[in-house]
PDB file of N, CA and C in Angstrom:
ATOM      1  N   MET A   1      26.748  -6.029 -46.885  1.00  0.00           N
ATOM      2  CA  MET A   1      25.893  -5.443 -45.870  1.00  0.00           C
ATOM      3  C   MET A   1      24.589  -6.221 -45.782  1.00  0.00           C
ATOM      4  N   LYS A   2      23.922  -6.391 -46.899  1.00  0.00           N
ATOM      5  CA  LYS A   2      22.643  -7.105 -46.892  1.00  0.00           C
ATOM      6  C   LYS A   2      22.846  -8.585 -46.583  1.00  0.00           C
ATOM      7  N   ASP A   3      23.984  -9.129 -47.031  1.00  0.00           N
ATOM      8  CA  ASP A   3      24.279 -10.534 -46.741  1.00  0.00           C
ATOM      9  C   ASP A   3      24.413 -10.768 -45.245  1.00  0.00           C
ATOM     10  N   PHE A   4      25.098  -9.857 -44.549  1.00  0.00           N
ATOM     11  CA  PHE A   4      25.286 -10.000 -43.110  1.00  0.00           C
ATOM     12  C   PHE A   4      23.958  -9.926 -42.368  1.00  0.00           C
ATOM     13  N   THR A   5      23.134  -8.946 -42.700  1.00  0.00           N
ATOM     14  CA  THR A   5      21.854  -8.810 -41.999  1.00  0.00           C
ATOM     15  C   THR A   5      20.930  -9.984 -42.303  1.00  0.00           C
ATOM     16  N   ASN A   6      20.929 -10.454 -43.541  1.00  0.00           N
ATOM     17  CA  ASN A   6      20.109 -11.632 -43.879  1.00  0.00           C
ATOM     18  C   ASN A   6      20.608 -12.869 -43.148  1.00  0.00           C
ATOM     19  N   TRP A   7      21.941 -13.022 -43.093  1.00  0.00           N
ATOM     20  CA  TRP A   7      22.496 -14.160 -42.379  1.00  0.00           C
ATOM     21  C   TRP A   7      22.100 -14.125 -40.909  1.00  0.00           C
ATOM     22  N   LEU A   8      22.220 -12.959 -40.281  1.00  0.00           N
ATOM     23  CA  LEU A   8      21.889 -12.852 -38.869  1.00  0.00           C
ATOM     24  C   LEU A   8      20.386 -13.019 -38.631  1.00  0.00           C
ATOM     25  N   ASP A   9      19.567 -12.564 -39.559  1.00  0.00           N
ATOM     26  CA  ASP A   9      18.123 -12.774 -39.434  1.00  0.00           C
ATOM     27  C   ASP A   9      17.776 -14.263 -39.438  1.00  0.00           C
ATOM     28  N   ASN A  10      18.544 -15.053 -40.192  1.00  0.00           N
ATOM     29  CA  ASN A  10      18.247 -16.480 -40.346  1.00  0.00           C
ATOM     30  C   ASN A  10      19.193 -17.388 -39.566  1.00  0.00           C
ATOM     31  N   ALA A  11      20.002 -16.817 -38.704  1.00  0.00           N
ATOM     32  CA  ALA A  11      20.971 -17.610 -37.931  1.00  0.00           C
ATOM     33  C   ALA A  11      20.247 -18.520 -36.947  1.00  0.00           C
ATOM     34  N   PRO A  12      20.866 -19.653 -36.623  1.00  0.00           N
ATOM     35  CA  PRO A  12      20.267 -20.557 -35.635  1.00  0.00           C
ATOM     36  C   PRO A  12      20.130 -19.883 -34.267  1.00  0.00           C
ATOM     37  N   PHE A  13      19.221 -20.412 -33.471  1.00  0.00           N
ATOM     38  CA  PHE A  13      18.929 -19.847 -32.158  1.00  0.00           C
ATOM     39  C   PHE A  13      20.184 -19.728 -31.297  1.00  0.00           C
ATOM     40  N   ILE A  14      21.035 -20.733 -31.305  1.00  0.00           N
ATOM     41  CA  ILE A  14      22.223 -20.710 -30.453  1.00  0.00           C
ATOM     42  C   ILE A  14      23.167 -19.571 -30.839  1.00  0.00           C
ATOM     43  N   ILE A  15      23.279 -19.271 -32.121  1.00  0.00           N
ATOM     44  CA  ILE A  15      24.104 -18.149 -32.579  1.00  0.00           C
ATOM     45  C   ILE A  15      23.481 -16.841 -32.108  1.00  0.00           C
ATOM     46  N   GLN A  16      22.172 -16.714 -32.274  1.00  0.00           N
ATOM     47  CA  GLN A  16      21.464 -15.516 -31.827  1.00  0.00           C
ATOM     48  C   GLN A  16      21.668 -15.323 -30.323  1.00  0.00           C
ATOM     49  N   LEU A  17      21.603 -16.412 -29.570  1.00  0.00           N
ATOM     50  CA  LEU A  17      21.771 -16.350 -28.125  1.00  0.00           C
ATOM     51  C   LEU A  17      23.196 -15.951 -27.746  1.00  0.00           C
ATOM     52  N   LEU A  18      24.184 -16.504 -28.421  1.00  0.00           N
ATOM     53  CA  LEU A  18      25.579 -16.151 -28.145  1.00  0.00           C
ATOM     54  C   LEU A  18      25.855 -14.673 -28.421  1.00  0.00           C
ATOM     55  N   PHE A  19      25.289 -14.153 -29.498  1.00  0.00           N
ATOM     56  CA  PHE A  19      25.502 -12.741 -29.834  1.00  0.00           C
ATOM     57  C   PHE A  19      24.781 -11.808 -28.867  1.00  0.00           C
ATOM     58  N   SER A  20      23.894 -12.353 -28.052  1.00  0.00           N
ATOM     59  CA  SER A  20      23.183 -11.546 -27.055  1.00  0.00           C
ATOM     60  C   SER A  20      23.979 -11.365 -25.768  1.00  0.00           C
ATOM     61  N   LEU A  21      25.018 -12.128 -25.602  1.00  0.00           N
ATOM     62  CA  LEU A  21      25.820 -12.055 -24.387  1.00  0.00           C
ATOM     63  C   LEU A  21      26.679 -10.783 -24.389  1.00  0.00           C
ATOM     64  N   PRO A  22      27.070 -10.315 -23.208  1.00  0.00           N
ATOM     65  CA  PRO A  22      27.741  -9.006 -23.102  1.00  0.00           C
ATOM     66  C   PRO A  22      28.960  -8.820 -23.995  1.00  0.00           C
ATOM     67  N   ILE A  23      29.821  -9.796 -24.109  1.00  0.00           N
ATOM     68  CA  ILE A  23      31.059  -9.608 -24.868  1.00  0.00           C
ATOM     69  C   ILE A  23      30.798  -9.525 -26.370  1.00  0.00           C
ATOM     70  N   LEU A  24      29.822 -10.244 -26.868  1.00  0.00           N
ATOM     71  CA  LEU A  24      29.549 -10.290 -28.305  1.00  0.00           C
ATOM     72  C   LEU A  24      28.390  -9.397 -28.747  1.00  0.00           C
ATOM     73  N   ASN A  25      27.792  -8.668 -27.837  1.00  0.00           N
ATOM     74  CA  ASN A  25      26.597  -7.901 -28.174  1.00  0.00           C
ATOM     75  C   ASN A  25      26.868  -6.748 -29.139  1.00  0.00           C
ATOM     76  N   PHE A  26      28.120  -6.352 -29.296  1.00  0.00           N
ATOM     77  CA  PHE A  26      28.429  -5.293 -30.263  1.00  0.00           C
ATOM     78  C   PHE A  26      28.026  -5.716 -31.676  1.00  0.00           C
ATOM     79  N   ILE A  27      27.931  -7.030 -31.923  1.00  0.00           N
ATOM     80  CA  ILE A  27      27.519  -7.525 -33.241  1.00  0.00           C
ATOM     81  C   ILE A  27      26.100  -7.075 -33.554  1.00  0.00           C
ATOM     82  N   TYR A  28      25.229  -7.063 -32.537  1.00  0.00           N
ATOM     83  CA  TYR A  28      23.868  -6.575 -32.761  1.00  0.00           C
ATOM     84  C   TYR A  28      23.856  -5.062 -32.976  1.00  0.00           C
ATOM     85  N   GLY A  29      24.828  -4.358 -32.445  1.00  0.00           N
ATOM     86  CA  GLY A  29      24.953  -2.931 -32.752  1.00  0.00           C
ATOM     87  C   GLY A  29      25.300  -2.714 -34.213  1.00  0.00           C
ATOM     88  N   ILE A  30      26.236  -3.503 -34.709  1.00  0.00           N
ATOM     89  CA  ILE A  30      26.589  -3.439 -36.130  1.00  0.00           C
ATOM     90  C   ILE A  30      25.382  -3.809 -36.982  1.00  0.00           C
ATOM     91  N   TYR A  31      24.672  -4.841 -36.563  1.00  0.00           N
ATOM     92  CA  TYR A  31      23.467  -5.290 -37.267  1.00  0.00           C
ATOM     93  C   TYR A  31      22.440  -4.160 -37.359  1.00  0.00           C
ATOM     94  N   ARG A  32      22.206  -3.463 -36.240  1.00  0.00           N
ATOM     95  CA  ARG A  32      21.234  -2.365 -36.237  1.00  0.00           C
ATOM     96  C   ARG A  32      21.694  -1.221 -37.147  1.00  0.00           C
ATOM     97  N   ALA A  33      22.973  -0.882 -37.087  1.00  0.00           N
ATOM     98  CA  ALA A  33      23.487   0.196 -37.933  1.00  0.00           C
ATOM     99  C   ALA A  33      23.360  -0.158 -39.414  1.00  0.00           C
ATOM    100  N   LEU A  34      23.661  -1.403 -39.763  1.00  0.00           N
ATOM    101  CA  LEU A  34      23.536  -1.828 -41.158  1.00  0.00           C
ATOM    102  C   LEU A  34      22.079  -1.859 -41.605  1.00  0.00           C
ATOM    103  N   LYS A  35      21.182  -2.288 -40.719  1.00  0.00           N
ATOM    104  CA  LYS A  35      19.748  -2.248 -41.045  1.00  0.00           C
ATOM    105  C   LYS A  35      19.312  -0.803 -41.292  1.00  0.00           C
ATOM    106  N   GLY A  36      19.830   0.117 -40.470  1.00  0.00           N
ATOM    107  CA  GLY A  36      19.518   1.531 -40.652  1.00  0.00           C
ATOM    108  C   GLY A  36      20.013   2.048 -41.986  1.00  0.00           C
ATOM    109  N   LEU A  37      21.209   1.634 -42.388  1.00  0.00           N
ATOM    110  CA  LEU A  37      21.732   2.034 -43.695  1.00  0.00           C
ATOM    111  C   LEU A  37      20.878   1.472 -44.826  1.00  0.00           C
ATOM    112  N   GLN A  38      20.449   0.233 -44.689  1.00  0.00           N
ATOM    113  CA  GLN A  38      19.613  -0.391 -45.717  1.00  0.00           C
ATOM    114  C   GLN A  38      18.280   0.330 -45.873  1.00  0.00           C
ATOM    115  N   LYS A  39      17.725   0.782 -44.742  1.00  0.00           N
ATOM    116  CA  LYS A  39      16.405   1.406 -44.761  1.00  0.00           C
ATOM    117  C   LYS A  39      16.463   2.933 -44.784  1.00  0.00           C
ATOM    118  N   ASN A  40      17.673   3.501 -44.872  1.00  0.00           N
ATOM    119  CA  ASN A  40      17.865   4.953 -44.822  1.00  0.00           C
ATOM    120  C   ASN A  40      17.205   5.558 -43.586  1.00  0.00           C
ATOM    121  N   ASN A  41      17.412   4.915 -42.450  1.00  0.00           N
ATOM    122  CA  ASN A  41      16.820   5.322 -41.188  1.00  0.00           C
ATOM    123  C   ASN A  41      17.925   5.854 -40.278  1.00  0.00           C
ATOM    124  N   ILE A  42      18.027   7.177 -40.186  1.00  0.00           N
ATOM    125  CA  ILE A  42      19.088   7.815 -39.405  1.00  0.00           C
ATOM    126  C   ILE A  42      19.006   7.415 -37.935  1.00  0.00           C
ATOM    127  N   LEU A  43      17.820   7.347 -37.372  1.00  0.00           N
ATOM    128  CA  LEU A  43      17.666   6.986 -35.966  1.00  0.00           C
ATOM    129  C   LEU A  43      18.212   5.587 -35.692  1.00  0.00           C
ATOM    130  N   LEU A  44      17.932   4.653 -36.569  1.00  0.00           N
ATOM    131  CA  LEU A  44      18.417   3.287 -36.398  1.00  0.00           C
ATOM    132  C   LEU A  44      19.940   3.222 -36.531  1.00  0.00           C
ATOM    133  N   ILE A  45      20.511   4.026 -37.402  1.00  0.00           N
ATOM    134  CA  ILE A  45      21.973   4.096 -37.529  1.00  0.00           C
ATOM    135  C   ILE A  45      22.588   4.607 -36.229  1.00  0.00           C
ATOM    136  N   ILE A  46      22.008   5.653 -35.678  1.00  0.00           N
ATOM    137  CA  ILE A  46      22.513   6.223 -34.423  1.00  0.00           C
ATOM    138  C   ILE A  46      22.362   5.225 -33.280  1.00  0.00           C
ATOM    139  N   VAL A  47      21.211   4.561 -33.203  1.00  0.00           N
ATOM    140  CA  VAL A  47      20.990   3.543 -32.166  1.00  0.00           C
ATOM    141  C   VAL A  47      22.019   2.425 -32.322  1.00  0.00           C
ATOM    142  N   GLY A  48      22.292   2.017 -33.540  1.00  0.00           N
ATOM    143  CA  GLY A  48      23.280   0.972 -33.789  1.00  0.00           C
ATOM    144  C   GLY A  48      24.667   1.367 -33.318  1.00  0.00           C
ATOM    145  N   ILE A  49      25.052   2.601 -33.591  1.00  0.00           N
ATOM    146  CA  ILE A  49      26.373   3.078 -33.161  1.00  0.00           C
ATOM    147  C   ILE A  49      26.448   3.131 -31.643  1.00  0.00           C
ATOM    148  N   ILE A  50      25.404   3.625 -31.007  1.00  0.00           N
ATOM    149  CA  ILE A  50      25.381   3.648 -29.537  1.00  0.00           C
ATOM    150  C   ILE A  50      25.415   2.223 -28.994  1.00  0.00           C
ATOM    151  N   TRP A  51      24.671   1.313 -29.640  1.00  0.00           N
ATOM    152  CA  TRP A  51      24.609  -0.073 -29.196  1.00  0.00           C
ATOM    153  C   TRP A  51      25.982  -0.741 -29.269  1.00  0.00           C
ATOM    154  N   ILE A  52      26.792  -0.368 -30.262  1.00  0.00           N
ATOM    155  CA  ILE A  52      28.130  -0.946 -30.396  1.00  0.00           C
ATOM    156  C   ILE A  52      28.950  -0.665 -29.144  1.00  0.00           C
ATOM    157  N   PHE A  53      28.871   0.555 -28.643  1.00  0.00           N
ATOM    158  CA  PHE A  53      29.711   0.948 -27.511  1.00  0.00           C
ATOM    159  C   PHE A  53      29.072   0.678 -26.151  1.00  0.00           C
ATOM    160  N   ALA A  54      27.769   0.792 -26.042  1.00  0.00           N
ATOM    161  CA  ALA A  54      27.110   0.613 -24.747  1.00  0.00           C
ATOM    162  C   ALA A  54      26.408  -0.739 -24.626  1.00  0.00           C
ATOM    163  N   GLY A  55      26.315  -1.470 -25.699  1.00  0.00           N
ATOM    164  CA  GLY A  55      25.595  -2.738 -25.692  1.00  0.00           C
ATOM    165  C   GLY A  55      26.151  -3.751 -24.719  1.00  0.00           C
ATOM    166  N   ALA A  56      27.466  -3.853 -24.673  1.00  0.00           N
ATOM    167  CA  ALA A  56      28.088  -4.837 -23.791  1.00  0.00           C
ATOM    168  C   ALA A  56      27.869  -4.505 -22.322  1.00  0.00           C
ATOM    169  N   ALA A  57      27.662  -3.255 -22.027  1.00  0.00           N
ATOM    170  CA  ALA A  57      27.499  -2.840 -20.636  1.00  0.00           C
ATOM    171  C   ALA A  57      26.036  -2.796 -20.201  1.00  0.00           C
ATOM    172  N   ILE A  58      25.159  -2.359 -21.074  1.00  0.00           N
ATOM    173  CA  ILE A  58      23.790  -2.073 -20.668  1.00  0.00           C
ATOM    174  C   ILE A  58      22.749  -2.845 -21.485  1.00  0.00           C
ATOM    175  N   PHE A  59      22.811  -2.715 -22.792  1.00  0.00           N
ATOM    176  CA  PHE A  59      21.714  -3.154 -23.657  1.00  0.00           C
ATOM    177  C   PHE A  59      21.678  -4.648 -23.937  1.00  0.00           C
ATOM    178  N   TRP A  60      22.712  -5.381 -23.572  1.00  0.00           N
ATOM    179  CA  TRP A  60      22.754  -6.805 -23.883  1.00  0.00           C
ATOM    180  C   TRP A  60      21.578  -7.553 -23.266  1.00  0.00           C
ATOM    181  N   ILE A  61      21.133  -7.117 -22.109  1.00  0.00           N
ATOM    182  CA  ILE A  61      20.024  -7.800 -21.440  1.00  0.00           C
ATOM    183  C   ILE A  61      18.733  -7.681 -22.261  1.00  0.00           C
ATOM    184  N   ILE A  62      18.561  -6.566 -22.944  1.00  0.00           N
ATOM    185  CA  ILE A  62      17.389  -6.387 -23.814  1.00  0.00           C
ATOM    186  C   ILE A  62      17.430  -7.392 -24.957  1.00  0.00           C
ATOM    187  N   ASP A  63      18.608  -7.525 -25.575  1.00  0.00           N
ATOM    188  CA  ASP A  63      18.744  -8.488 -26.666  1.00  0.00           C
ATOM    189  C   ASP A  63      18.599  -9.918 -26.174  1.00  0.00           C
ATOM    190  N   LEU A  64      19.134 -10.218 -25.012  1.00  0.00           N
ATOM    191  CA  LEU A  64      19.039 -11.574 -24.474  1.00  0.00           C
ATOM    192  C   LEU A  64      17.577 -11.973 -24.244  1.00  0.00           C
ATOM    193  N   ILE A  65      16.820 -11.103 -23.617  1.00  0.00           N
ATOM    194  CA  ILE A  65      15.399 -11.383 -23.373  1.00  0.00           C
ATOM    195  C   ILE A  65      14.644 -11.483 -24.692  1.00  0.00           C
ATOM    196  N   SER A  66      14.946 -10.595 -25.613  1.00  0.00           N
ATOM    197  CA  SER A  66      14.296 -10.594 -26.918  1.00  0.00           C
ATOM    198  C   SER A  66      14.569 -11.892 -27.678  1.00  0.00           C
ATOM    199  N   VAL A  67      15.807 -12.347 -27.665  1.00  0.00           N
ATOM    200  CA  VAL A  67      16.161 -13.582 -28.371  1.00  0.00           C
ATOM    201  C   VAL A  67      15.503 -14.792 -27.710  1.00  0.00           C
ATOM    202  N   ILE A  68      15.464 -14.809 -26.400  1.00  0.00           N
ATOM    203  CA  ILE A  68      14.822 -15.930 -25.708  1.00  0.00           C
ATOM    204  C   ILE A  68      13.328 -15.981 -26.015  1.00  0.00           C
ATOM    205  N   LEU A  69      12.680 -14.828 -26.030  1.00  0.00           N
ATOM    206  CA  LEU A  69      11.231 -14.798 -26.257  1.00  0.00           C
ATOM    207  C   LEU A  69      10.834 -14.917 -27.724  1.00  0.00           C
ATOM    208  N   TYR A  70      11.582 -14.244 -28.615  1.00  0.00           N
ATOM    209  CA  TYR A  70      11.173 -14.151 -30.017  1.00  0.00           C
ATOM    210  C   TYR A  70      12.123 -14.817 -30.996  1.00  0.00           C
ATOM    211  N   LYS A  71      13.223 -15.388 -30.495  1.00  0.00           N
ATOM    212  CA  LYS A  71      14.230 -16.059 -31.325  1.00  0.00           C
ATOM    213  C   LYS A  71      15.016 -15.116 -32.227  1.00  0.00           C
ATOM    214  N   LYS A  72      14.927 -13.807 -31.965  1.00  0.00           N
ATOM    215  CA  LYS A  72      15.716 -12.802 -32.686  1.00  0.00           C
ATOM    216  C   LYS A  72      15.589 -11.483 -31.949  1.00  0.00           C
ATOM    217  N   PRO A  73      16.502 -10.547 -32.203  1.00  0.00           N
ATOM    218  CA  PRO A  73      16.366  -9.231 -31.570  1.00  0.00           C
ATOM    219  C   PRO A  73      15.216  -8.471 -32.217  1.00  0.00           C
ATOM    220  N   VAL A  74      14.342  -7.925 -31.419  1.00  0.00           N
ATOM    221  CA  VAL A  74      13.197  -7.202 -31.973  1.00  0.00           C
ATOM    222  C   VAL A  74      13.120  -5.750 -31.486  1.00  0.00           C
ATOM    223  N   VAL A  75      13.874  -5.413 -30.462  1.00  0.00           N
ATOM    224  CA  VAL A  75      13.820  -4.064 -29.902  1.00  0.00           C
ATOM    225  C   VAL A  75      14.766  -3.154 -30.676  1.00  0.00           C
ATOM    226  N   LEU A  76      14.237  -2.074 -31.203  1.00  0.00           N
ATOM    227  CA  LEU A  76      15.009  -1.092 -31.969  1.00  0.00           C
ATOM    228  C   LEU A  76      15.781  -1.704 -33.118  1.00  0.00           C
ATOM    229  N   VAL A  77      15.114  -2.523 -33.890  1.00  0.00           N
ATOM    230  CA  VAL A  77      15.742  -3.133 -35.060  1.00  0.00           C
ATOM    231  C   VAL A  77      15.198  -2.509 -36.345  1.00  0.00           C
ATOM    232  N   GLY A  78      13.995  -2.077 -36.335  1.00  0.00           N
ATOM    233  CA  GLY A  78      13.436  -1.385 -37.493  1.00  0.00           C
ATOM    234  C   GLY A  78      12.753  -2.225 -38.472  1.00  0.00           C
TER     235      GLY A  78
END
């Protein structure tokens, strides 16, 4: 769990950008849920689960803009 989140935190920009696209955005949902588990943050776990299912349809644009501007997802990550 911690290995995955650390890897994604330090992943190259192109990987971060690819995971922001609609088809792969569920990975950021898993990332958020795992971050929530690490921090014992129920809200972040719930956001992560919602992001897994709705991310490809709606939330991917938030991650895409975030990755372009900050080189990583920063919205609702905790």
